[in-house]
PDB file of N, CA and C in Angstrom:
ATOM      1  N   UNK A   1       0.848  -1.163   0.000  1.00  0.00           N
ATOM      2  CA  UNK A   1       0.000   0.000   0.000  1.00  0.00           C
ATOM      3  C   UNK A   1       0.902   1.238   0.000  1.00  0.00           C
ATOM      4  N   UNK A   2       0.542   2.226  -0.779  1.00  0.00           N
ATOM      5  CA  UNK A   2       1.303   3.466  -0.879  1.00  0.00           C
ATOM      6  C   UNK A   2       0.413   4.655  -0.552  1.00  0.00           C
ATOM      7  N   UNK A   3       1.011   5.645   0.102  1.00  0.00           N
ATOM      8  CA  UNK A   3       0.325   6.900   0.391  1.00  0.00           C
ATOM      9  C   UNK A   3       1.221   8.029  -0.084  1.00  0.00           C
ATOM     10  N   UNK A   4       0.743   8.830  -1.016  1.00  0.00           N
ATOM     11  CA  UNK A   4       1.495  10.000  -1.463  1.00  0.00           C
ATOM     12  C   UNK A   4       1.321  11.097  -0.433  1.00  0.00           C
ATOM     13  N   UNK A   5       2.407  11.823  -0.183  1.00  0.00           N
ATOM     14  CA  UNK A   5       2.319  12.924   0.775  1.00  0.00           C
ATOM     15  C   UNK A   5       2.893  14.179   0.161  1.00  0.00           C
ATOM     16  N   UNK A   6       2.347  15.312   0.562  1.00  0.00           N
ATOM     17  CA  UNK A   6       2.810  16.599   0.058  1.00  0.00           C
ATOM     18  C   UNK A   6       3.490  17.406   1.152  1.00  0.00           C
ATOM     19  N   UNK A   7       3.399  16.938   2.383  1.00  0.00           N
ATOM     20  CA  UNK A   7       3.981  17.647   3.527  1.00  0.00           C
ATOM     21  C   UNK A   7       5.061  16.774   4.161  1.00  0.00           C
ATOM     22  N   UNK A   8       5.806  17.350   5.087  1.00  0.00           N
ATOM     23  CA  UNK A   8       6.852  16.580   5.757  1.00  0.00           C
ATOM     24  C   UNK A   8       6.282  15.481   6.638  1.00  0.00           C
ATOM     25  N   UNK A   9       5.064  15.641   7.097  1.00  0.00           N
ATOM     26  CA  UNK A   9       4.451  14.673   7.997  1.00  0.00           C
ATOM     27  C   UNK A   9       3.643  13.648   7.194  1.00  0.00           C
ATOM     28  N   UNK A  10       4.018  12.387   7.289  1.00  0.00           N
ATOM     29  CA  UNK A  10       3.351  11.338   6.506  1.00  0.00           C
ATOM     30  C   UNK A  10       1.895  11.121   6.896  1.00  0.00           C
ATOM     31  N   UNK A  11       1.481  11.652   8.036  1.00  0.00           N
ATOM     32  CA  UNK A  11       0.089  11.521   8.470  1.00  0.00           C
ATOM     33  C   UNK A  11      -0.784  12.681   7.976  1.00  0.00           C
ATOM     34  N   UNK A  12      -0.168  13.793   7.597  1.00  0.00           N
ATOM     35  CA  UNK A  12      -0.921  14.988   7.203  1.00  0.00           C
ATOM     36  C   UNK A  12      -1.448  14.856   5.775  1.00  0.00           C
ATOM     37  N   UNK A  13      -2.758  14.930   5.633  1.00  0.00           N
ATOM     38  CA  UNK A  13      -3.359  14.924   4.306  1.00  0.00           C
ATOM     39  C   UNK A  13      -3.292  13.593   3.583  1.00  0.00           C
ATOM     40  N   UNK A  14      -3.019  12.518   4.313  1.00  0.00           N
ATOM     41  CA  UNK A  14      -2.971  11.186   3.699  1.00  0.00           C
ATOM     42  C   UNK A  14      -3.965  10.279   4.419  1.00  0.00           C
ATOM     43  N   UNK A  15      -4.154   9.116   3.890  1.00  0.00           N
ATOM     44  CA  UNK A  15      -5.027   8.138   4.531  1.00  0.00           C
ATOM     45  C   UNK A  15      -4.290   7.201   5.463  1.00  0.00           C
ATOM     46  N   UNK A  16      -3.025   7.521   5.766  1.00  0.00           N
ATOM     47  CA  UNK A  16      -2.202   6.611   6.562  1.00  0.00           C
ATOM     48  C   UNK A  16      -2.793   6.325   7.938  1.00  0.00           C
ATOM     49  N   UNK A  17      -3.159   7.348   8.670  1.00  0.00           N
ATOM     50  CA  UNK A  17      -3.700   7.146  10.018  1.00  0.00           C
ATOM     51  C   UNK A  17      -4.970   6.300   9.982  1.00  0.00           C
ATOM     52  N   UNK A  18      -5.884   6.618   9.073  1.00  0.00           N
ATOM     53  CA  UNK A  18      -7.121   5.838   8.959  1.00  0.00           C
ATOM     54  C   UNK A  18      -6.839   4.385   8.606  1.00  0.00           C
ATOM     55  N   UNK A  19      -5.891   4.170   7.718  1.00  0.00           N
ATOM     56  CA  UNK A  19      -5.552   2.801   7.323  1.00  0.00           C
ATOM     57  C   UNK A  19      -4.982   2.020   8.505  1.00  0.00           C
ATOM     58  N   UNK A  20      -4.017   2.594   9.197  1.00  0.00           N
ATOM     59  CA  UNK A  20      -3.405   1.897  10.333  1.00  0.00           C
ATOM     60  C   UNK A  20      -4.434   1.599  11.418  1.00  0.00           C
ATOM     61  N   UNK A  21      -5.296   2.564  11.676  1.00  0.00           N
ATOM     62  CA  UNK A  21      -6.334   2.388  12.695  1.00  0.00           C
ATOM     63  C   UNK A  21      -7.332   1.309  12.277  1.00  0.00           C
ATOM     64  N   UNK A  22      -7.747   1.328  11.031  1.00  0.00           N
ATOM     65  CA  UNK A  22      -8.728   0.339  10.556  1.00  0.00           C
ATOM     66  C   UNK A  22      -8.162  -1.076  10.577  1.00  0.00           C
ATOM     67  N   UNK A  23      -6.854  -1.192  10.457  1.00  0.00           N
ATOM     68  CA  UNK A  23      -6.203  -2.501  10.486  1.00  0.00           C
ATOM     69  C   UNK A  23      -5.813  -2.921  11.909  1.00  0.00           C
ATOM     70  N   UNK A  24      -6.162  -2.082  12.876  1.00  0.00           N
ATOM     71  CA  UNK A  24      -5.859  -2.327  14.297  1.00  0.00           C
ATOM     72  C   UNK A  24      -4.365  -2.526  14.551  1.00  0.00           C
ATOM     73  N   UNK A  25      -3.574  -1.745  13.839  1.00  0.00           N
ATOM     74  CA  UNK A  25      -2.119  -1.776  14.012  1.00  0.00           C
ATOM     75  C   UNK A  25      -1.767  -0.872  15.181  1.00  0.00           C
ATOM     76  N   UNK A  26      -0.903  -1.352  16.078  1.00  0.00           N
ATOM     77  CA  UNK A  26      -0.519  -0.530  17.232  1.00  0.00           C
ATOM     78  C   UNK A  26       0.979  -0.296  17.332  1.00  0.00           C
ATOM     79  N   UNK A  27       1.753  -0.890  16.417  1.00  0.00           N
ATOM     80  CA  UNK A  27       3.206  -0.703  16.391  1.00  0.00           C
ATOM     81  C   UNK A  27       3.629  -0.470  14.951  1.00  0.00           C
ATOM     82  N   UNK A  28       4.399   0.596  14.725  1.00  0.00           N
ATOM     83  CA  UNK A  28       4.899   0.854  13.377  1.00  0.00           C
ATOM     84  C   UNK A  28       6.411   1.030  13.409  1.00  0.00           C
ATOM     85  N   UNK A  29       7.037   0.690  12.296  1.00  0.00           N
ATOM     86  CA  UNK A  29       8.480   0.839  12.110  1.00  0.00           C
ATOM     87  C   UNK A  29       8.681   1.961  11.106  1.00  0.00           C
ATOM     88  N   UNK A  30       9.534   2.923  11.468  1.00  0.00           N
ATOM     89  CA  UNK A  30       9.732   4.104  10.623  1.00  0.00           C
ATOM     90  C   UNK A  30      11.178   4.187  10.156  1.00  0.00           C
ATOM     91  N   UNK A  31      11.328   4.470   8.862  1.00  0.00           N
ATOM     92  CA  UNK A  31      12.631   4.770   8.272  1.00  0.00           C
ATOM     93  C   UNK A  31      12.387   5.662   7.065  1.00  0.00           C
ATOM     94  N   UNK A  32      13.427   6.334   6.592  1.00  0.00           N
ATOM     95  CA  UNK A  32      13.246   7.193   5.432  1.00  0.00           C
ATOM     96  C   UNK A  32      14.272   8.295   5.344  1.00  0.00           C
ATOM     97  N   UNK A  33      13.895   9.385   4.702  1.00  0.00           N
ATOM     98  CA  UNK A  33      14.799  10.510   4.460  1.00  0.00           C
ATOM     99  C   UNK A  33      14.319  11.762   5.182  1.00  0.00           C
ATOM    100  N   UNK A  34      15.195  12.728   5.204  1.00  0.00           N
ATOM    101  CA  UNK A  34      14.935  14.029   5.832  1.00  0.00           C
ATOM    102  C   UNK A  34      14.666  13.868   7.328  1.00  0.00           C
ATOM    103  N   UNK A  35      15.670  13.345   8.012  1.00  0.00           N
ATOM    104  CA  UNK A  35      15.581  13.037   9.442  1.00  0.00           C
ATOM    105  C   UNK A  35      14.934  14.138  10.254  1.00  0.00           C
ATOM    106  N   UNK A  36      15.443  15.360  10.126  1.00  0.00           N
ATOM    107  CA  UNK A  36      14.983  16.454  10.989  1.00  0.00           C
ATOM    108  C   UNK A  36      13.612  16.980  10.603  1.00  0.00           C
ATOM    109  N   UNK A  37      13.073  16.521   9.504  1.00  0.00           N
ATOM    110  CA  UNK A  37      11.754  16.971   9.065  1.00  0.00           C
ATOM    111  C   UNK A  37      10.771  15.794   9.062  1.00  0.00           C
ATOM    112  N   UNK A  38      10.849  14.971   8.050  1.00  0.00           N
ATOM    113  CA  UNK A  38       9.877  13.889   7.856  1.00  0.00           C
ATOM    114  C   UNK A  38       9.927  12.835   8.954  1.00  0.00           C
ATOM    115  N   UNK A  39      11.105  12.392   9.299  1.00  0.00           N
ATOM    116  CA  UNK A  39      11.234  11.345  10.318  1.00  0.00           C
ATOM    117  C   UNK A  39      10.785  11.866  11.673  1.00  0.00           C
ATOM    118  N   UNK A  40      11.277  13.018  12.061  1.00  0.00           N
ATOM    119  CA  UNK A  40      10.914  13.604  13.354  1.00  0.00           C
ATOM    120  C   UNK A  40       9.399  13.779  13.476  1.00  0.00           C
ATOM    121  N   UNK A  41       8.777  14.362  12.470  1.00  0.00           N
ATOM    122  CA  UNK A  41       7.331  14.614  12.562  1.00  0.00           C
ATOM    123  C   UNK A  41       6.535  13.312  12.535  1.00  0.00           C
ATOM    124  N   UNK A  42       6.984  12.323  11.781  1.00  0.00           N
ATOM    125  CA  UNK A  42       6.266  11.042  11.727  1.00  0.00           C
ATOM    126  C   UNK A  42       6.308  10.328  13.072  1.00  0.00           C
ATOM    127  N   UNK A  43       7.482  10.298  13.699  1.00  0.00           N
ATOM    128  CA  UNK A  43       7.609   9.630  15.002  1.00  0.00           C
ATOM    129  C   UNK A  43       6.734  10.317  16.035  1.00  0.00           C
ATOM    130  N   UNK A  44       6.824  11.625  16.111  1.00  0.00           N
ATOM    131  CA  UNK A  44       6.056  12.361  17.124  1.00  0.00           C
ATOM    132  C   UNK A  44       4.546  12.260  16.885  1.00  0.00           C
ATOM    133  N   UNK A  45       4.123  12.357  15.638  1.00  0.00           N
ATOM    134  CA  UNK A  45       2.698  12.240  15.337  1.00  0.00           C
ATOM    135  C   UNK A  45       2.196  10.828  15.622  1.00  0.00           C
ATOM    136  N   UNK A  46       2.989   9.831  15.296  1.00  0.00           N
ATOM    137  CA  UNK A  46       2.573   8.445  15.539  1.00  0.00           C
ATOM    138  C   UNK A  46       2.346   8.184  17.022  1.00  0.00           C
ATOM    139  N   UNK A  47       3.231   8.690  17.873  1.00  0.00           N
ATOM    140  CA  UNK A  47       3.062   8.415  19.305  1.00  0.00           C
ATOM    141  C   UNK A  47       1.819   9.089  19.863  1.00  0.00           C
ATOM    142  N   UNK A  48       1.511  10.300  19.412  1.00  0.00           N
ATOM    143  CA  UNK A  48       0.301  10.956  19.929  1.00  0.00           C
ATOM    144  C   UNK A  48      -0.965  10.419  19.264  1.00  0.00           C
ATOM    145  N   UNK A  49      -0.789   9.622  18.212  1.00  0.00           N
ATOM    146  CA  UNK A  49      -1.936   9.039  17.514  1.00  0.00           C
ATOM    147  C   UNK A  49      -2.223   7.612  17.964  1.00  0.00           C
ATOM    148  N   UNK A  50      -1.506   7.144  18.978  1.00  0.00           N
ATOM    149  CA  UNK A  50      -1.807   5.837  19.553  1.00  0.00           C
ATOM    150  C   UNK A  50      -0.933   4.689  19.116  1.00  0.00           C
ATOM    151  N   UNK A  51       0.249   4.983  18.580  1.00  0.00           N
ATOM    152  CA  UNK A  51       1.139   3.920  18.119  1.00  0.00           C
ATOM    153  C   UNK A  51       2.431   3.904  18.920  1.00  0.00           C
ATOM    154  N   UNK A  52       2.930   2.702  19.187  1.00  0.00           N
ATOM    155  CA  UNK A  52       4.306   2.560  19.619  1.00  0.00           C
ATOM    156  C   UNK A  52       5.130   2.547  18.343  1.00  0.00           C
ATOM    157  N   UNK A  53       6.303   3.170  18.390  1.00  0.00           N
ATOM    158  CA  UNK A  53       7.120   3.346  17.193  1.00  0.00           C
ATOM    159  C   UNK A  53       8.502   2.750  17.399  1.00  0.00           C
ATOM    160  N   UNK A  54       8.966   2.015  16.403  1.00  0.00           N
ATOM    161  CA  UNK A  54      10.369   1.632  16.326  1.00  0.00           C
ATOM    162  C   UNK A  54      10.971   2.459  15.205  1.00  0.00           C
ATOM    163  N   UNK A  55      11.915   3.316  15.557  1.00  0.00           N
ATOM    164  CA  UNK A  55      12.658   4.093  14.565  1.00  0.00           C
ATOM    165  C   UNK A  55      13.916   3.307  14.231  1.00  0.00           C
ATOM    166  N   UNK A  56      14.142   3.054  12.955  1.00  0.00           N
ATOM    167  CA  UNK A  56      15.336   2.335  12.529  1.00  0.00           C
ATOM    168  C   UNK A  56      16.494   3.328  12.569  1.00  0.00           C
ATOM    169  N   UNK A  57      17.347   3.194  13.579  1.00  0.00           N
ATOM    170  CA  UNK A  57      18.411   4.168  13.833  1.00  0.00           C
ATOM    171  C   UNK A  57      19.393   4.319  12.689  1.00  0.00           C
ATOM    172  N   UNK A  58      19.633   3.231  11.956  1.00  0.00           N
ATOM    173  CA  UNK A  58      20.526   3.301  10.805  1.00  0.00           C
ATOM    174  C   UNK A  58      19.728   3.197   9.502  1.00  0.00           C
ATOM    175  N   UNK A  59      18.461   3.594   9.584  1.00  0.00           N
ATOM    176  CA  UNK A  59      17.580   3.509   8.424  1.00  0.00           C
ATOM    177  C   UNK A  59      16.937   4.828   8.055  1.00  0.00           C
ATOM    178  N   UNK A  60      17.564   5.934   8.464  1.00  0.00           N
ATOM    179  CA  UNK A  60      17.081   7.248   8.028  1.00  0.00           C
ATOM    180  C   UNK A  60      18.287   8.119   7.734  1.00  0.00           C
ATOM    181  N   UNK A  61      18.084   9.109   6.880  1.00  0.00           N
ATOM    182  CA  UNK A  61      19.213   9.912   6.421  1.00  0.00           C
ATOM    183  C   UNK A  61      18.771  11.341   6.151  1.00  0.00           C
ATOM    184  N   UNK A  62      19.753  12.171   5.937  1.00  0.00           N
ATOM    185  CA  UNK A  62      19.506  13.569   5.623  1.00  0.00           C
ATOM    186  C   UNK A  62      20.757  14.150   4.977  1.00  0.00           C
ATOM    187  N   UNK A  63      20.726  15.405   4.669  1.00  0.00           N
ATOM    188  CA  UNK A  63      21.888  16.111   4.122  1.00  0.00           C
ATOM    189  C   UNK A  63      22.451  17.038   5.193  1.00  0.00           C
ATOM    190  N   UNK A  64      23.688  17.440   5.004  1.00  0.00           N
ATOM    191  CA  UNK A  64      24.292  18.414   5.916  1.00  0.00           C
ATOM    192  C   UNK A  64      23.474  19.698   5.918  1.00  0.00           C
ATOM    193  N   UNK A  65      23.400  20.331   7.080  1.00  0.00           N
ATOM    194  CA  UNK A  65      22.808  21.667   7.152  1.00  0.00           C
ATOM    195  C   UNK A  65      23.951  22.669   7.254  1.00  0.00           C
ATOM    196  N   UNK A  66      23.621  23.923   7.342  1.00  0.00           N
ATOM    197  CA  UNK A  66      24.648  24.956   7.499  1.00  0.00           C
ATOM    198  C   UNK A  66      25.381  24.765   8.827  1.00  0.00           C
ATOM    199  N   UNK A  67      24.675  24.317   9.847  1.00  0.00           N
ATOM    200  CA  UNK A  67      25.221  24.213  11.198  1.00  0.00           C
ATOM    201  C   UNK A  67      25.738  22.828  11.549  1.00  0.00           C
ATOM    202  N   UNK A  68      25.041  21.780  11.135  1.00  0.00           N
ATOM    203  CA  UNK A  68      25.365  20.414  11.548  1.00  0.00           C
ATOM    204  C   UNK A  68      25.585  19.502  10.351  1.00  0.00           C
ATOM    205  N   UNK A  69      26.443  18.505  10.544  1.00  0.00           N
ATOM    206  CA  UNK A  69      26.620  17.494   9.501  1.00  0.00           C
ATOM    207  C   UNK A  69      25.427  16.538   9.540  1.00  0.00           C
ATOM    208  N   UNK A  70      25.232  15.819   8.458  1.00  0.00           N
ATOM    209  CA  UNK A  70      24.145  14.835   8.415  1.00  0.00           C
ATOM    210  C   UNK A  70      24.297  13.829   9.549  1.00  0.00           C
ATOM    211  N   UNK A  71      25.515  13.388   9.805  1.00  0.00           N
ATOM    212  CA  UNK A  71      25.760  12.422  10.878  1.00  0.00           C
ATOM    213  C   UNK A  71      25.359  12.985  12.242  1.00  0.00           C
ATOM    214  N   UNK A  72      25.657  14.253  12.480  1.00  0.00           N
ATOM    215  CA  UNK A  72      25.267  14.884  13.749  1.00  0.00           C
ATOM    216  C   UNK A  72      23.746  14.972  13.881  1.00  0.00           C
ATOM    217  N   UNK A  73      23.076  15.309  12.802  1.00  0.00           N
ATOM    218  CA  UNK A  73      21.612  15.409  12.822  1.00  0.00           C
ATOM    219  C   UNK A  73      20.999  14.043  13.124  1.00  0.00           C
ATOM    220  N   UNK A  74      21.497  13.010  12.466  1.00  0.00           N
ATOM    221  CA  UNK A  74      20.985  11.654  12.669  1.00  0.00           C
ATOM    222  C   UNK A  74      21.222  11.201  14.104  1.00  0.00           C
ATOM    223  N   UNK A  75      22.441  11.388  14.603  1.00  0.00           N
ATOM    224  CA  UNK A  75      22.746  10.981  15.983  1.00  0.00           C
ATOM    225  C   UNK A  75      21.885  11.737  16.987  1.00  0.00           C
ATOM    226  N   UNK A  76      21.701  13.032  16.769  1.00  0.00           N
ATOM    227  CA  UNK A  76      20.871  13.841  17.668  1.00  0.00           C
ATOM    228  C   UNK A  76      19.435  13.304  17.699  1.00  0.00           C
ATOM    229  N   UNK A  77      18.871  13.039  16.539  1.00  0.00           N
ATOM    230  CA  UNK A  77      17.488  12.554  16.497  1.00  0.00           C
ATOM    231  C   UNK A  77      17.365  11.143  17.062  1.00  0.00           C
ATOM    232  N   UNK A  78      18.344  10.297  16.827  1.00  0.00           N
ATOM    233  CA  UNK A  78      18.301   8.966  17.435  1.00  0.00           C
ATOM    234  C   UNK A  78      18.294   9.077  18.955  1.00  0.00           C
ATOM    235  N   UNK A  79      19.073  10.003  19.477  1.00  0.00           N
ATOM    236  CA  UNK A  79      19.128  10.185  20.932  1.00  0.00           C
ATOM    237  C   UNK A  79      17.836  10.788  21.478  1.00  0.00           C
ATOM    238  N   UNK A  80      17.328  11.827  20.836  1.00  0.00           N
ATOM    239  CA  UNK A  80      16.142  12.501  21.383  1.00  0.00           C
ATOM    240  C   UNK A  80      14.853  11.716  21.144  1.00  0.00           C
ATOM    241  N   UNK A  81      14.792  10.927  20.086  1.00  0.00           N
ATOM    242  CA  UNK A  81      13.564  10.181  19.811  1.00  0.00           C
ATOM    243  C   UNK A  81      13.520   8.823  20.505  1.00  0.00           C
ATOM    244  N   UNK A  82      14.663   8.326  20.979  1.00  0.00           N
ATOM    245  CA  UNK A  82      14.652   7.072  21.738  1.00  0.00           C
ATOM    246  C   UNK A  82      14.031   7.342  23.104  1.00  0.00           C
ATOM    247  N   UNK A  83      12.921   6.714  23.354  1.00  0.00           N
ATOM    248  CA  UNK A  83      12.225   6.944  24.616  1.00  0.00           C
ATOM    249  C   UNK A  83      11.265   8.110  24.569  1.00  0.00           C
ATOM    250  N   UNK A  84      11.137   8.762  23.404  1.00  0.00           N
ATOM    251  CA  UNK A  84      10.165   9.857  23.273  1.00  0.00           C
ATOM    252  C   UNK A  84       8.780   9.284  23.540  1.00  0.00           C
ATOM    253  N   UNK A  85       8.032   9.935  24.404  1.00  0.00           N
ATOM    254  CA  UNK A  85       6.734   9.370  24.764  1.00  0.00           C
ATOM    255  C   UNK A  85       5.649  10.431  24.837  1.00  0.00           C
ATOM    256  N   UNK A  86       4.451   9.967  24.676  1.00  0.00           N
ATOM    257  CA  UNK A  86       3.241  10.775  24.838  1.00  0.00           C
ATOM    258  C   UNK A  86       2.264   9.964  25.671  1.00  0.00           C
ATOM    259  N   UNK A  87       2.500   9.936  26.955  1.00  0.00           N
ATOM    260  CA  UNK A  87       1.699   9.270  27.970  1.00  0.00           C
ATOM    261  C   UNK A  87       1.691   7.752  27.803  1.00  0.00           C
ATOM    262  N   UNK A  88       0.966   7.227  26.829  1.00  0.00           N
ATOM    263  CA  UNK A  88       0.820   5.778  26.707  1.00  0.00           C
ATOM    264  C   UNK A  88       1.697   5.149  25.629  1.00  0.00           C
ATOM    265  N   UNK A  89       2.116   5.910  24.654  1.00  0.00           N
ATOM    266  CA  UNK A  89       2.856   5.351  23.527  1.00  0.00           C
ATOM    267  C   UNK A  89       4.188   6.071  23.369  1.00  0.00           C
ATOM    268  N   UNK A  90       5.191   5.321  22.937  1.00  0.00           N
ATOM    269  CA  UNK A  90       6.504   5.937  22.802  1.00  0.00           C
ATOM    270  C   UNK A  90       7.319   5.272  21.707  1.00  0.00           C
ATOM    271  N   UNK A  91       8.493   5.827  21.473  1.00  0.00           N
ATOM    272  CA  UNK A  91       9.362   5.323  20.421  1.00  0.00           C
ATOM    273  C   UNK A  91      10.647   4.770  21.009  1.00  0.00           C
ATOM    274  N   UNK A  92      11.182   3.776  20.332  1.00  0.00           N
ATOM    275  CA  UNK A  92      12.504   3.246  20.639  1.00  0.00           C
ATOM    276  C   UNK A  92      13.297   3.250  19.340  1.00  0.00           C
ATOM    277  N   UNK A  93      14.606   3.370  19.459  1.00  0.00           N
ATOM    278  CA  UNK A  93      15.485   3.358  18.293  1.00  0.00           C
ATOM    279  C   UNK A  93      16.246   2.041  18.304  1.00  0.00           C
ATOM    280  N   UNK A  94      16.178   1.337  17.184  1.00  0.00           N
ATOM    281  CA  UNK A  94      16.866   0.049  17.050  1.00  0.00           C
ATOM    282  C   UNK A  94      17.533  -0.001  15.682  1.00  0.00           C
ATOM    283  N   UNK A  95      18.585  -0.800  15.561  1.00  0.00           N
ATOM    284  CA  UNK A  95      19.292  -0.929  14.290  1.00  0.00           C
ATOM    285  C   UNK A  95      18.602  -1.931  13.369  1.00  0.00           C
ATOM    286  N   UNK A  96      18.843  -1.787  12.082  1.00  0.00           N
ATOM    287  CA  UNK A  96      18.185  -2.607  11.067  1.00  0.00           C
ATOM    288  C   UNK A  96      18.471  -4.096  11.231  1.00  0.00           C
ATOM    289  N   UNK A  97      19.587  -4.452  11.811  1.00  0.00           N
ATOM    290  CA  UNK A  97      19.933  -5.872  11.969  1.00  0.00           C
ATOM    291  C   UNK A  97      19.061  -6.581  13.007  1.00  0.00           C
ATOM    292  N   UNK A  98      18.338  -5.819  13.813  1.00  0.00           N
ATOM    293  CA  UNK A  98      17.481  -6.404  14.844  1.00  0.00           C
ATOM    294  C   UNK A  98      16.138  -6.835  14.257  1.00  0.00           C
ATOM    295  N   UNK A  99      15.380  -7.599  15.022  1.00  0.00           N
ATOM    296  CA  UNK A  99      14.041  -8.014  14.613  1.00  0.00           C
ATOM    297  C   UNK A  99      13.086  -6.858  14.892  1.00  0.00           C
ATOM    298  N   UNK A 100      12.999  -5.936  13.963  1.00  0.00           N
ATOM    299  CA  UNK A 100      12.285  -4.676  14.166  1.00  0.00           C
ATOM    300  C   UNK A 100      10.780  -4.832  14.298  1.00  0.00           C
ATOM    301  N   UNK A 101      10.244  -5.914  13.784  1.00  0.00           N
ATOM    302  CA  UNK A 101       8.799  -6.082  13.808  1.00  0.00           C
ATOM    303  C   UNK A 101       8.317  -6.837  15.044  1.00  0.00           C
ATOM    304  N   UNK A 102       9.243  -7.142  15.943  1.00  0.00           N
ATOM    305  CA  UNK A 102       8.884  -7.662  17.264  1.00  0.00           C
ATOM    306  C   UNK A 102       9.128  -6.529  18.244  1.00  0.00           C
ATOM    307  N   UNK A 103       8.075  -5.825  18.638  1.00  0.00           N
ATOM    308  CA  UNK A 103       8.259  -4.649  19.495  1.00  0.00           C
ATOM    309  C   UNK A 103       8.873  -5.000  20.846  1.00  0.00           C
ATOM    310  N   UNK A 104       9.719  -4.104  21.331  1.00  0.00           N
ATOM    311  CA  UNK A 104      10.348  -4.270  22.649  1.00  0.00           C
ATOM    312  C   UNK A 104       9.836  -3.233  23.638  1.00  0.00           C
ATOM    313  N   UNK A 105       8.801  -2.516  23.279  1.00  0.00           N
ATOM    314  CA  UNK A 105       8.305  -1.409  24.092  1.00  0.00           C
ATOM    315  C   UNK A 105       7.888  -1.836  25.488  1.00  0.00           C
ATOM    316  N   UNK A 106       7.301  -3.023  25.629  1.00  0.00           N
ATOM    317  CA  UNK A 106       6.833  -3.457  26.945  1.00  0.00           C
ATOM    318  C   UNK A 106       7.972  -3.624  27.941  1.00  0.00           C
ATOM    319  N   UNK A 107       9.177  -3.899  27.456  1.00  0.00           N
ATOM    320  CA  UNK A 107      10.312  -4.041  28.375  1.00  0.00           C
ATOM    321  C   UNK A 107      10.741  -2.697  28.960  1.00  0.00           C
ATOM    322  N   UNK A 108      10.269  -1.596  28.388  1.00  0.00           N
ATOM    323  CA  UNK A 108      10.591  -0.257  28.882  1.00  0.00           C
ATOM    324  C   UNK A 108       9.501   0.304  29.787  1.00  0.00           C
ATOM    325  N   UNK A 109       8.331  -0.288  29.787  1.00  0.00           N
ATOM    326  CA  UNK A 109       7.194   0.246  30.550  1.00  0.00           C
ATOM    327  C   UNK A 109       7.351  -0.042  32.023  1.00  0.00           C
TER     328      UNK A 109
END
């Protein structure tokens, strides 16, 4: 299934949230491009929308900014988004070599 998006947030203006909810999905794995924009907004929106999130720490990328290198941006977001929570749901950062579709969130609760 594909959802085209026009904004940095994959949930904005798409059917993604409705689809995940209708399928009774409660854990999602996120990876992609534009770490400080698309990835950040997707993780934060997912947690407030009722999902536990696994962010693939070595599965997102970006370009250098004027201030920070791409590597610094990625490391910063991996650190700040690991354990990011919104009361009941939160995100963890795991590497691609792990079994990403077996959530480990309950071990942190």
